[in-house]
Amino acid sequence: MAMTDSEYHQLADKMFDLIETAVEHAIDNDDADVDVDNSGNVLQLEFPDGSKIVINKQEPLHELWVATRFGGYHFGYVEGKWLDGRNGGEFLPFVQQAIAKQGGLQLQF
């Protein structure tokens, strides 16, 4: 059965909230300087070096897209998990690694 737009937004918003909460917690504990902007369909993290990680909803495809300085990635919801369409990697571990690599911030989910 296909996912509805409403179900998609609930699942995507949950991921945005998890990331935003983990970043804010890491900032509080590490005194890190990361700007977080959650504007509806886009979650943007800006690091002290000016680089960004942008996570956005692609509602027509029911995907989450992630842009890092290392490349762009597309994650679809498959059997209860957000998975990368190219290599099958899971969304949250990927985001955790990308933030550590790009911004030096260690997140705990």
PDB file of N, CA and C in Angstrom:
ATOM      1  N   MET A   1       0.835  -1.181   0.000  1.00  0.00           N
ATOM      2  CA  MET A   1       0.000   0.000   0.000  1.00  0.00           C
ATOM      3  C   MET A   1       0.880   1.245   0.000  1.00  0.00           C
ATOM      4  N   ALA A   2       0.582   2.186  -0.857  1.00  0.00           N
ATOM      5  CA  ALA A   2       1.388   3.392  -1.002  1.00  0.00           C
ATOM      6  C   ALA A   2       1.199   4.328   0.190  1.00  0.00           C
ATOM      7  N   MET A   3       2.259   5.018   0.515  1.00  0.00           N
ATOM      8  CA  MET A   3       2.239   5.988   1.599  1.00  0.00           C
ATOM      9  C   MET A   3       1.474   7.239   1.160  1.00  0.00           C
ATOM     10  N   THR A   4       0.690   7.801   2.062  1.00  0.00           N
ATOM     11  CA  THR A   4      -0.009   9.041   1.756  1.00  0.00           C
ATOM     12  C   THR A   4       0.942  10.219   2.006  1.00  0.00           C
ATOM     13  N   ASP A   5       0.601  11.380   1.454  1.00  0.00           N
ATOM     14  CA  ASP A   5       1.405  12.581   1.689  1.00  0.00           C
ATOM     15  C   ASP A   5       1.455  12.910   3.179  1.00  0.00           C
ATOM     16  N   SER A   6       0.346  12.727   3.866  1.00  0.00           N
ATOM     17  CA  SER A   6       0.291  13.005   5.301  1.00  0.00           C
ATOM     18  C   SER A   6       1.232  12.089   6.081  1.00  0.00           C
ATOM     19  N   GLU A   7       1.231  10.798   5.747  1.00  0.00           N
ATOM     20  CA  GLU A   7       2.130   9.846   6.399  1.00  0.00           C
ATOM     21  C   GLU A   7       3.593  10.214   6.116  1.00  0.00           C
ATOM     22  N   TYR A   8       3.863  10.577   4.870  1.00  0.00           N
ATOM     23  CA  TYR A   8       5.216  10.983   4.487  1.00  0.00           C
ATOM     24  C   TYR A   8       5.685  12.164   5.337  1.00  0.00           C
ATOM     25  N   HIS A   9       4.843  13.182   5.454  1.00  0.00           N
ATOM     26  CA  HIS A   9       5.235  14.376   6.217  1.00  0.00           C
ATOM     27  C   HIS A   9       5.446  14.045   7.698  1.00  0.00           C
ATOM     28  N   GLN A  10       4.632  13.168   8.258  1.00  0.00           N
ATOM     29  CA  GLN A  10       4.821  12.774   9.660  1.00  0.00           C
ATOM     30  C   GLN A  10       6.170  12.087   9.842  1.00  0.00           C
ATOM     31  N   LEU A  11       6.511  11.176   8.942  1.00  0.00           N
ATOM     32  CA  LEU A  11       7.776  10.451   9.025  1.00  0.00           C
ATOM     33  C   LEU A  11       8.966  11.385   8.800  1.00  0.00           C
ATOM     34  N   ALA A  12       8.862  12.254   7.807  1.00  0.00           N
ATOM     35  CA  ALA A  12       9.949  13.187   7.503  1.00  0.00           C
ATOM     36  C   ALA A  12      10.130  14.185   8.641  1.00  0.00           C
ATOM     37  N   ASP A  13       9.026  14.706   9.177  1.00  0.00           N
ATOM     38  CA  ASP A  13       9.115  15.655  10.290  1.00  0.00           C
ATOM     39  C   ASP A  13       9.771  15.013  11.509  1.00  0.00           C
ATOM     40  N   LYS A  14       9.496  13.736  11.725  1.00  0.00           N
ATOM     41  CA  LYS A  14      10.117  13.026  12.847  1.00  0.00           C
ATOM     42  C   LYS A  14      11.641  13.009  12.678  1.00  0.00           C
ATOM     43  N   MET A  15      12.119  12.776  11.455  1.00  0.00           N
ATOM     44  CA  MET A  15      13.561  12.786  11.204  1.00  0.00           C
ATOM     45  C   MET A  15      14.150  14.181  11.413  1.00  0.00           C
ATOM     46  N   PHE A  16      13.455  15.203  10.918  1.00  0.00           N
ATOM     47  CA  PHE A  16      13.915  16.583  11.107  1.00  0.00           C
ATOM     48  C   PHE A  16      14.019  16.896  12.598  1.00  0.00           C
ATOM     49  N   ASP A  17      13.004  16.517  13.363  1.00  0.00           N
ATOM     50  CA  ASP A  17      12.990  16.794  14.807  1.00  0.00           C
ATOM     51  C   ASP A  17      14.120  16.059  15.524  1.00  0.00           C
ATOM     52  N   LEU A  18      14.350  14.803  15.158  1.00  0.00           N
ATOM     53  CA  LEU A  18      15.435  14.029  15.771  1.00  0.00           C
ATOM     54  C   LEU A  18      16.789  14.688  15.528  1.00  0.00           C
ATOM     55  N   ILE A  19      17.018  15.106  14.296  1.00  0.00           N
ATOM     56  CA  ILE A  19      18.297  15.732  13.943  1.00  0.00           C
ATOM     57  C   ILE A  19      18.443  17.064  14.665  1.00  0.00           C
ATOM     58  N   GLU A  20      17.403  17.887  14.617  1.00  0.00           N
ATOM     59  CA  GLU A  20      17.471  19.204  15.252  1.00  0.00           C
ATOM     60  C   GLU A  20      17.721  19.075  16.756  1.00  0.00           C
ATOM     61  N   THR A  21      17.031  18.160  17.415  1.00  0.00           N
ATOM     62  CA  THR A  21      17.214  17.946  18.852  1.00  0.00           C
ATOM     63  C   THR A  21      18.622  17.450  19.155  1.00  0.00           C
ATOM     64  N   ALA A  22      19.129  16.505  18.360  1.00  0.00           N
ATOM     65  CA  ALA A  22      20.479  15.966  18.575  1.00  0.00           C
ATOM     66  C   ALA A  22      21.538  17.048  18.365  1.00  0.00           C
ATOM     67  N   VAL A  23      21.363  17.895  17.346  1.00  0.00           N
ATOM     68  CA  VAL A  23      22.314  18.984  17.097  1.00  0.00           C
ATOM     69  C   VAL A  23      22.287  19.971  18.258  1.00  0.00           C
ATOM     70  N   GLU A  24      21.096  20.360  18.687  1.00  0.00           N
ATOM     71  CA  GLU A  24      20.995  21.313  19.796  1.00  0.00           C
ATOM     72  C   GLU A  24      21.615  20.738  21.071  1.00  0.00           C
ATOM     73  N   HIS A  25      21.417  19.449  21.323  1.00  0.00           N
ATOM     74  CA  HIS A  25      22.008  18.796  22.490  1.00  0.00           C
ATOM     75  C   HIS A  25      23.533  18.808  22.383  1.00  0.00           C
ATOM     76  N   ALA A  26      24.070  18.486  21.206  1.00  0.00           N
ATOM     77  CA  ALA A  26      25.519  18.474  20.991  1.00  0.00           C
ATOM     78  C   ALA A  26      26.106  19.876  21.138  1.00  0.00           C
ATOM     79  N   ILE A  27      25.385  20.879  20.640  1.00  0.00           N
ATOM     80  CA  ILE A  27      25.847  22.268  20.771  1.00  0.00           C
ATOM     81  C   ILE A  27      25.937  22.647  22.246  1.00  0.00           C
ATOM     82  N   ASP A  28      24.910  22.291  23.018  1.00  0.00           N
ATOM     83  CA  ASP A  28      24.892  22.608  24.453  1.00  0.00           C
ATOM     84  C   ASP A  28      26.046  21.930  25.186  1.00  0.00           C
ATOM     85  N   ASN A  29      26.339  20.687  24.825  1.00  0.00           N
ATOM     86  CA  ASN A  29      27.379  19.927  25.518  1.00  0.00           C
ATOM     87  C   ASN A  29      28.790  20.268  25.049  1.00  0.00           C
ATOM     88  N   ASP A  30      28.950  20.612  23.774  1.00  0.00           N
ATOM     89  CA  ASP A  30      30.279  20.835  23.203  1.00  0.00           C
ATOM     90  C   ASP A  30      30.583  22.303  22.957  1.00  0.00           C
ATOM     91  N   ASP A  31      29.642  23.175  23.273  1.00  0.00           N
ATOM     92  CA  ASP A  31      29.796  24.600  22.996  1.00  0.00           C
ATOM     93  C   ASP A  31      30.164  24.830  21.525  1.00  0.00           C
ATOM     94  N   ALA A  32      29.548  24.043  20.656  1.00  0.00           N
ATOM     95  CA  ALA A  32      29.812  24.145  19.223  1.00  0.00           C
ATOM     96  C   ALA A  32      29.015  25.295  18.620  1.00  0.00           C
ATOM     97  N   ASP A  33      29.453  25.724  17.457  1.00  0.00           N
ATOM     98  CA  ASP A  33      28.797  26.826  16.764  1.00  0.00           C
ATOM     99  C   ASP A  33      28.199  26.305  15.457  1.00  0.00           C
ATOM    100  N   VAL A  34      26.951  25.890  15.517  1.00  0.00           N
ATOM    101  CA  VAL A  34      26.249  25.392  14.337  1.00  0.00           C
ATOM    102  C   VAL A  34      24.913  26.127  14.261  1.00  0.00           C
ATOM    103  N   ASP A  35      24.643  26.736  13.127  1.00  0.00           N
ATOM    104  CA  ASP A  35      23.345  27.390  12.932  1.00  0.00           C
ATOM    105  C   ASP A  35      22.374  26.372  12.365  1.00  0.00           C
ATOM    106  N   VAL A  36      21.209  26.261  12.987  1.00  0.00           N
ATOM    107  CA  VAL A  36      20.164  25.332  12.558  1.00  0.00           C
ATOM    108  C   VAL A  36      18.972  26.143  12.096  1.00  0.00           C
ATOM    109  N   ASP A  37      18.507  25.864  10.884  1.00  0.00           N
ATOM    110  CA  ASP A  37      17.330  26.539  10.349  1.00  0.00           C
ATOM    111  C   ASP A  37      16.369  25.481   9.827  1.00  0.00           C
ATOM    112  N   ASN A  38      15.236  25.346  10.511  1.00  0.00           N
ATOM    113  CA  ASN A  38      14.208  24.393  10.097  1.00  0.00           C
ATOM    114  C   ASN A  38      13.041  25.199   9.544  1.00  0.00           C
ATOM    115  N   SER A  39      12.955  25.256   8.234  1.00  0.00           N
ATOM    116  CA  SER A  39      11.920  26.048   7.568  1.00  0.00           C
ATOM    117  C   SER A  39      11.002  25.144   6.765  1.00  0.00           C
ATOM    118  N   GLY A  40      10.074  24.480   7.450  1.00  0.00           N
ATOM    119  CA  GLY A  40       9.073  23.662   6.763  1.00  0.00           C
ATOM    120  C   GLY A  40       9.640  22.453   6.064  1.00  0.00           C
ATOM    121  N   ASN A  41       9.961  22.596   4.797  1.00  0.00           N
ATOM    122  CA  ASN A  41      10.430  21.461   4.008  1.00  0.00           C
ATOM    123  C   ASN A  41      11.940  21.339   3.951  1.00  0.00           C
ATOM    124  N   VAL A  42      12.664  22.246   4.640  1.00  0.00           N
ATOM    125  CA  VAL A  42      14.123  22.246   4.574  1.00  0.00           C
ATOM    126  C   VAL A  42      14.711  22.382   5.970  1.00  0.00           C
ATOM    127  N   LEU A  43      15.679  21.523   6.273  1.00  0.00           N
ATOM    128  CA  LEU A  43      16.472  21.626   7.496  1.00  0.00           C
ATOM    129  C   LEU A  43      17.896  21.908   7.049  1.00  0.00           C
ATOM    130  N   GLN A  44      18.411  23.053   7.475  1.00  0.00           N
ATOM    131  CA  GLN A  44      19.741  23.469   7.039  1.00  0.00           C
ATOM    132  C   GLN A  44      20.650  23.640   8.251  1.00  0.00           C
ATOM    133  N   LEU A  45      21.831  23.054   8.165  1.00  0.00           N
ATOM    134  CA  LEU A  45      22.843  23.180   9.197  1.00  0.00           C
ATOM    135  C   LEU A  45      24.026  23.924   8.589  1.00  0.00           C
ATOM    136  N   GLU A  46      24.448  25.011   9.235  1.00  0.00           N
ATOM    137  CA  GLU A  46      25.605  25.759   8.749  1.00  0.00           C
ATOM    138  C   GLU A  46      26.694  25.704   9.805  1.00  0.00           C
ATOM    139  N   PHE A  47      27.900  25.343   9.366  1.00  0.00           N
ATOM    140  CA  PHE A  47      29.031  25.140  10.255  1.00  0.00           C
ATOM    141  C   PHE A  47      29.947  26.354  10.259  1.00  0.00           C
ATOM    142  N   PRO A  48      30.842  26.447  11.247  1.00  0.00           N
ATOM    143  CA  PRO A  48      31.706  27.628  11.363  1.00  0.00           C
ATOM    144  C   PRO A  48      32.530  27.936  10.116  1.00  0.00           C
ATOM    145  N   ASP A  49      32.869  26.926   9.328  1.00  0.00           N
ATOM    146  CA  ASP A  49      33.655  27.170   8.110  1.00  0.00           C
ATOM    147  C   ASP A  49      32.799  27.662   6.947  1.00  0.00           C
ATOM    148  N   GLY A  50      31.481  27.853   7.194  1.00  0.00           N
ATOM    149  CA  GLY A  50      30.582  28.345   6.151  1.00  0.00           C
ATOM    150  C   GLY A  50      29.939  27.240   5.329  1.00  0.00           C
ATOM    151  N   SER A  51      30.384  25.996   5.505  1.00  0.00           N
ATOM    152  CA  SER A  51      29.775  24.900   4.749  1.00  0.00           C
ATOM    153  C   SER A  51      28.415  24.565   5.339  1.00  0.00           C
ATOM    154  N   LYS A  52      27.590  23.913   4.534  1.00  0.00           N
ATOM    155  CA  LYS A  52      26.225  23.576   4.952  1.00  0.00           C
ATOM    156  C   LYS A  52      25.896  22.131   4.625  1.00  0.00           C
ATOM    157  N   ILE A  53      24.993  21.591   5.422  1.00  0.00           N
ATOM    158  CA  ILE A  53      24.305  20.342   5.082  1.00  0.00           C
ATOM    159  C   ILE A  53      22.835  20.721   4.994  1.00  0.00           C
ATOM    160  N   VAL A  54      22.228  20.396   3.872  1.00  0.00           N
ATOM    161  CA  VAL A  54      20.832  20.743   3.635  1.00  0.00           C
ATOM    162  C   VAL A  54      20.047  19.448   3.442  1.00  0.00           C
ATOM    163  N   ILE A  55      19.001  19.301   4.245  1.00  0.00           N
ATOM    164  CA  ILE A  55      18.117  18.140   4.148  1.00  0.00           C
ATOM    165  C   ILE A  55      16.754  18.674   3.747  1.00  0.00           C
ATOM    166  N   ASN A  56      16.231  18.193   2.655  1.00  0.00           N
ATOM    167  CA  ASN A  56      14.917  18.689   2.252  1.00  0.00           C
ATOM    168  C   ASN A  56      13.978  17.568   1.846  1.00  0.00           C
ATOM    169  N   LYS A  57      12.704  17.876   2.046  1.00  0.00           N
ATOM    170  CA  LYS A  57      11.637  16.945   1.681  1.00  0.00           C
ATOM    171  C   LYS A  57      11.381  17.049   0.183  1.00  0.00           C
ATOM    172  N   GLN A  58      11.247  15.911  -0.443  1.00  0.00           N
ATOM    173  CA  GLN A  58      10.824  15.834  -1.836  1.00  0.00           C
ATOM    174  C   GLN A  58       9.475  15.120  -1.840  1.00  0.00           C
ATOM    175  N   GLU A  59       8.434  15.912  -1.557  1.00  0.00           N
ATOM    176  CA  GLU A  59       7.096  15.344  -1.383  1.00  0.00           C
ATOM    177  C   GLU A  59       6.611  14.537  -2.578  1.00  0.00           C
ATOM    178  N   PRO A  60       6.786  15.026  -3.814  1.00  0.00           N
ATOM    179  CA  PRO A  60       6.259  14.235  -4.944  1.00  0.00           C
ATOM    180  C   PRO A  60       6.843  12.823  -5.018  1.00  0.00           C
ATOM    181  N   LEU A  61       8.094  12.665  -4.555  1.00  0.00           N
ATOM    182  CA  LEU A  61       8.756  11.358  -4.602  1.00  0.00           C
ATOM    183  C   LEU A  61       8.713  10.635  -3.260  1.00  0.00           C
ATOM    184  N   HIS A  62       8.209  11.328  -2.222  1.00  0.00           N
ATOM    185  CA  HIS A  62       8.219  10.795  -0.852  1.00  0.00           C
ATOM    186  C   HIS A  62       9.636  10.398  -0.446  1.00  0.00           C
ATOM    187  N   GLU A  63      10.578  11.311  -0.698  1.00  0.00           N
ATOM    188  CA  GLU A  63      11.976  11.082  -0.363  1.00  0.00           C
ATOM    189  C   GLU A  63      12.506  12.218   0.501  1.00  0.00           C
ATOM    190  N   LEU A  64      13.629  11.953   1.153  1.00  0.00           N
ATOM    191  CA  LEU A  64      14.429  12.976   1.823  1.00  0.00           C
ATOM    192  C   LEU A  64      15.727  13.095   1.043  1.00  0.00           C
ATOM    193  N   TRP A  65      16.092  14.322   0.679  1.00  0.00           N
ATOM    194  CA  TRP A  65      17.326  14.551  -0.046  1.00  0.00           C
ATOM    195  C   TRP A  65      18.302  15.250   0.876  1.00  0.00           C
ATOM    196  N   VAL A  66      19.557  14.826   0.825  1.00  0.00           N
ATOM    197  CA  VAL A  66      20.604  15.397   1.663  1.00  0.00           C
ATOM    198  C   VAL A  66      21.722  15.900   0.760  1.00  0.00           C
ATOM    199  N   ALA A  67      22.080  17.173   0.939  1.00  0.00           N
ATOM    200  CA  ALA A  67      23.202  17.762   0.217  1.00  0.00           C
ATOM    201  C   ALA A  67      24.297  18.080   1.225  1.00  0.00           C
ATOM    202  N   THR A  68      25.475  17.505   0.997  1.00  0.00           N
ATOM    203  CA  THR A  68      26.649  17.794   1.816  1.00  0.00           C
ATOM    204  C   THR A  68      27.732  18.313   0.878  1.00  0.00           C
ATOM    205  N   ARG A  69      28.846  18.746   1.439  1.00  0.00           N
ATOM    206  CA  ARG A  69      29.913  19.183   0.536  1.00  0.00           C
ATOM    207  C   ARG A  69      30.578  17.999  -0.149  1.00  0.00           C
ATOM    208  N   PHE A  70      30.188  16.785   0.239  1.00  0.00           N
ATOM    209  CA  PHE A  70      30.744  15.569  -0.356  1.00  0.00           C
ATOM    210  C   PHE A  70      29.825  14.964  -1.414  1.00  0.00           C
ATOM    211  N   GLY A  71      28.622  15.528  -1.577  1.00  0.00           N
ATOM    212  CA  GLY A  71      27.709  15.003  -2.585  1.00  0.00           C
ATOM    213  C   GLY A  71      26.259  15.069  -2.146  1.00  0.00           C
ATOM    214  N   GLY A  72      25.389  14.640  -3.043  1.00  0.00           N
ATOM    215  CA  GLY A  72      23.955  14.633  -2.790  1.00  0.00           C
ATOM    216  C   GLY A  72      23.432  13.208  -2.703  1.00  0.00           C
ATOM    217  N   TYR A  73      22.443  13.011  -1.838  1.00  0.00           N
ATOM    218  CA  TYR A  73      21.929  11.666  -1.571  1.00  0.00           C
ATOM    219  C   TYR A  73      20.410  11.702  -1.473  1.00  0.00           C
ATOM    220  N   HIS A  74      19.771  10.637  -1.916  1.00  0.00           N
ATOM    221  CA  HIS A  74      18.307  10.535  -1.895  1.00  0.00           C
ATOM    222  C   HIS A  74      17.910   9.315  -1.073  1.00  0.00           C
ATOM    223  N   PHE A  75      17.010   9.536  -0.106  1.00  0.00           N
ATOM    224  CA  PHE A  75      16.565   8.464   0.769  1.00  0.00           C
ATOM    225  C   PHE A  75      15.064   8.261   0.629  1.00  0.00           C
ATOM    226  N   GLY A  76      14.663   7.029   0.378  1.00  0.00           N
ATOM    227  CA  GLY A  76      13.257   6.666   0.305  1.00  0.00           C
ATOM    228  C   GLY A  76      12.883   5.800   1.503  1.00  0.00           C
ATOM    229  N   TYR A  77      11.614   5.807   1.844  1.00  0.00           N
ATOM    230  CA  TYR A  77      11.137   5.032   2.992  1.00  0.00           C
ATOM    231  C   TYR A  77      10.762   3.628   2.520  1.00  0.00           C
ATOM    232  N   VAL A  78      11.532   2.631   2.980  1.00  0.00           N
ATOM    233  CA  VAL A  78      11.351   1.252   2.541  1.00  0.00           C
ATOM    234  C   VAL A  78      11.290   0.342   3.769  1.00  0.00           C
ATOM    235  N   GLU A  79      10.186  -0.360   3.918  1.00  0.00           N
ATOM    236  CA  GLU A  79      10.021  -1.339   4.995  1.00  0.00           C
ATOM    237  C   GLU A  79      10.420  -0.778   6.359  1.00  0.00           C
ATOM    238  N   GLY A  80       9.949   0.430   6.650  1.00  0.00           N
ATOM    239  CA  GLY A  80      10.160   1.020   7.970  1.00  0.00           C
ATOM    240  C   GLY A  80      11.462   1.757   8.172  1.00  0.00           C
ATOM    241  N   LYS A  81      12.241   1.943   7.096  1.00  0.00           N
ATOM    242  CA  LYS A  81      13.525   2.636   7.206  1.00  0.00           C
ATOM    243  C   LYS A  81      13.713   3.595   6.040  1.00  0.00           C
ATOM    244  N   TRP A  82      14.413   4.708   6.310  1.00  0.00           N
ATOM    245  CA  TRP A  82      14.825   5.625   5.247  1.00  0.00           C
ATOM    246  C   TRP A  82      16.144   5.104   4.694  1.00  0.00           C
ATOM    247  N   LEU A  83      16.147   4.686   3.413  1.00  0.00           N
ATOM    248  CA  LEU A  83      17.323   4.070   2.810  1.00  0.00           C
ATOM    249  C   LEU A  83      17.793   4.844   1.588  1.00  0.00           C
ATOM    250  N   ASP A  84      19.127   4.929   1.435  1.00  0.00           N
ATOM    251  CA  ASP A  84      19.745   5.577   0.283  1.00  0.00           C
ATOM    252  C   ASP A  84      19.437   4.755  -0.968  1.00  0.00           C
ATOM    253  N   GLY A  85      18.963   5.444  -1.991  1.00  0.00           N
ATOM    254  CA  GLY A  85      18.594   4.768  -3.236  1.00  0.00           C
ATOM    255  C   GLY A  85      19.760   4.148  -3.972  1.00  0.00           C
ATOM    256  N   ARG A  86      20.986   4.606  -3.706  1.00  0.00           N
ATOM    257  CA  ARG A  86      22.152   4.065  -4.405  1.00  0.00           C
ATOM    258  C   ARG A  86      22.793   2.891  -3.675  1.00  0.00           C
ATOM    259  N   ASN A  87      23.022   3.057  -2.363  1.00  0.00           N
ATOM    260  CA  ASN A  87      23.783   2.023  -1.669  1.00  0.00           C
ATOM    261  C   ASN A  87      23.021   1.340  -0.532  1.00  0.00           C
ATOM    262  N   GLY A  88      21.777   1.753  -0.292  1.00  0.00           N
ATOM    263  CA  GLY A  88      20.967   1.118   0.731  1.00  0.00           C
ATOM    264  C   GLY A  88      21.301   1.517   2.156  1.00  0.00           C
ATOM    265  N   GLY A  89      22.223   2.480   2.323  1.00  0.00           N
ATOM    266  CA  GLY A  89      22.582   2.942   3.659  1.00  0.00           C
ATOM    267  C   GLY A  89      21.411   3.633   4.339  1.00  0.00           C
ATOM    268  N   GLU A  90      21.388   3.579   5.680  1.00  0.00           N
ATOM    269  CA  GLU A  90      20.300   4.187   6.438  1.00  0.00           C
ATOM    270  C   GLU A  90      20.544   5.679   6.653  1.00  0.00           C
ATOM    271  N   PHE A  91      19.443   6.414   6.704  1.00  0.00           N
ATOM    272  CA  PHE A  91      19.458   7.872   6.771  1.00  0.00           C
ATOM    273  C   PHE A  91      20.156   8.424   8.011  1.00  0.00           C
ATOM    274  N   LEU A  92      19.704   8.052   9.212  1.00  0.00           N
ATOM    275  CA  LEU A  92      20.260   8.665  10.427  1.00  0.00           C
ATOM    276  C   LEU A  92      21.757   8.390  10.604  1.00  0.00           C
ATOM    277  N   PRO A  93      22.242   7.157  10.430  1.00  0.00           N
ATOM    278  CA  PRO A  93      23.695   6.955  10.522  1.00  0.00           C
ATOM    279  C   PRO A  93      24.459   7.772   9.473  1.00  0.00           C
ATOM    280  N   PHE A  94      23.889   7.894   8.271  1.00  0.00           N
ATOM    281  CA  PHE A  94      24.540   8.697   7.239  1.00  0.00           C
ATOM    282  C   PHE A  94      24.633  10.158   7.674  1.00  0.00           C
ATOM    283  N   VAL A  95      23.529  10.712   8.164  1.00  0.00           N
ATOM    284  CA  VAL A  95      23.516  12.110   8.601  1.00  0.00           C
ATOM    285  C   VAL A  95      24.491  12.306   9.765  1.00  0.00           C
ATOM    286  N   GLN A  96      24.510  11.366  10.685  1.00  0.00           N
ATOM    287  CA  GLN A  96      25.419  11.432  11.822  1.00  0.00           C
ATOM    288  C   GLN A  96      26.880  11.484  11.346  1.00  0.00           C
ATOM    289  N   GLN A  97      27.228  10.638  10.395  1.00  0.00           N
ATOM    290  CA  GLN A  97      28.592  10.607   9.858  1.00  0.00           C
ATOM    291  C   GLN A  97      28.908  11.872   9.068  1.00  0.00           C
ATOM    292  N   ALA A  98      27.943  12.351   8.284  1.00  0.00           N
ATOM    293  CA  ALA A  98      28.169  13.551   7.477  1.00  0.00           C
ATOM    294  C   ALA A  98      28.411  14.771   8.364  1.00  0.00           C
ATOM    295  N   ILE A  99      27.646  14.897   9.445  1.00  0.00           N
ATOM    296  CA  ILE A  99      27.806  16.029  10.355  1.00  0.00           C
ATOM    297  C   ILE A  99      29.149  15.934  11.074  1.00  0.00           C
ATOM    298  N   ALA A 100      29.554  14.741  11.477  1.00  0.00           N
ATOM    299  CA  ALA A 100      30.856  14.560  12.128  1.00  0.00           C
ATOM    300  C   ALA A 100      31.989  14.906  11.167  1.00  0.00           C
ATOM    301  N   LYS A 101      31.877  14.441   9.936  1.00  0.00           N
ATOM    302  CA  LYS A 101      32.928  14.657   8.937  1.00  0.00           C
ATOM    303  C   LYS A 101      33.002  16.122   8.515  1.00  0.00           C
ATOM    304  N   GLN A 102      31.872  16.721   8.290  1.00  0.00           N
ATOM    305  CA  GLN A 102      31.836  18.087   7.764  1.00  0.00           C
ATOM    306  C   GLN A 102      31.941  19.144   8.866  1.00  0.00           C
ATOM    307  N   GLY A 103      31.302  18.887  10.013  1.00  0.00           N
ATOM    308  CA  GLY A 103      31.255  19.912  11.052  1.00  0.00           C
ATOM    309  C   GLY A 103      31.948  19.555  12.340  1.00  0.00           C
ATOM    310  N   GLY A 104      32.460  18.323  12.453  1.00  0.00           N
ATOM    311  CA  GLY A 104      33.159  17.918  13.647  1.00  0.00           C
ATOM    312  C   GLY A 104      32.261  17.742  14.875  1.00  0.00           C
ATOM    313  N   LEU A 105      30.974  17.636  14.652  1.00  0.00           N
ATOM    314  CA  LEU A 105      30.005  17.526  15.746  1.00  0.00           C
ATOM    315  C   LEU A 105      29.544  16.076  15.866  1.00  0.00           C
ATOM    316  N   GLN A 106      29.657  15.528  17.075  1.00  0.00           N
ATOM    317  CA  GLN A 106      29.260  14.143  17.321  1.00  0.00           C
ATOM    318  C   GLN A 106      27.821  14.121  17.835  1.00  0.00           C
ATOM    319  N   LEU A 107      26.925  13.519  17.067  1.00  0.00           N
ATOM    320  CA  LEU A 107      25.521  13.446  17.460  1.00  0.00           C
ATOM    321  C   LEU A 107      25.185  12.089  18.068  1.00  0.00           C
ATOM    322  N   GLN A 108      24.250  12.105  19.014  1.00  0.00           N
ATOM    323  CA  GLN A 108      23.722  10.882  19.590  1.00  0.00           C
ATOM    324  C   GLN A 108      22.213  10.839  19.327  1.00  0.00           C
ATOM    325  N   PHE A 109      21.767   9.737  18.716  1.00  0.00           N
ATOM    326  CA  PHE A 109      20.329   9.572  18.465  1.00  0.00           C
ATOM    327  C   PHE A 109      19.786   8.512  19.389  1.00  0.00           C
TER     328      PHE A 109
END
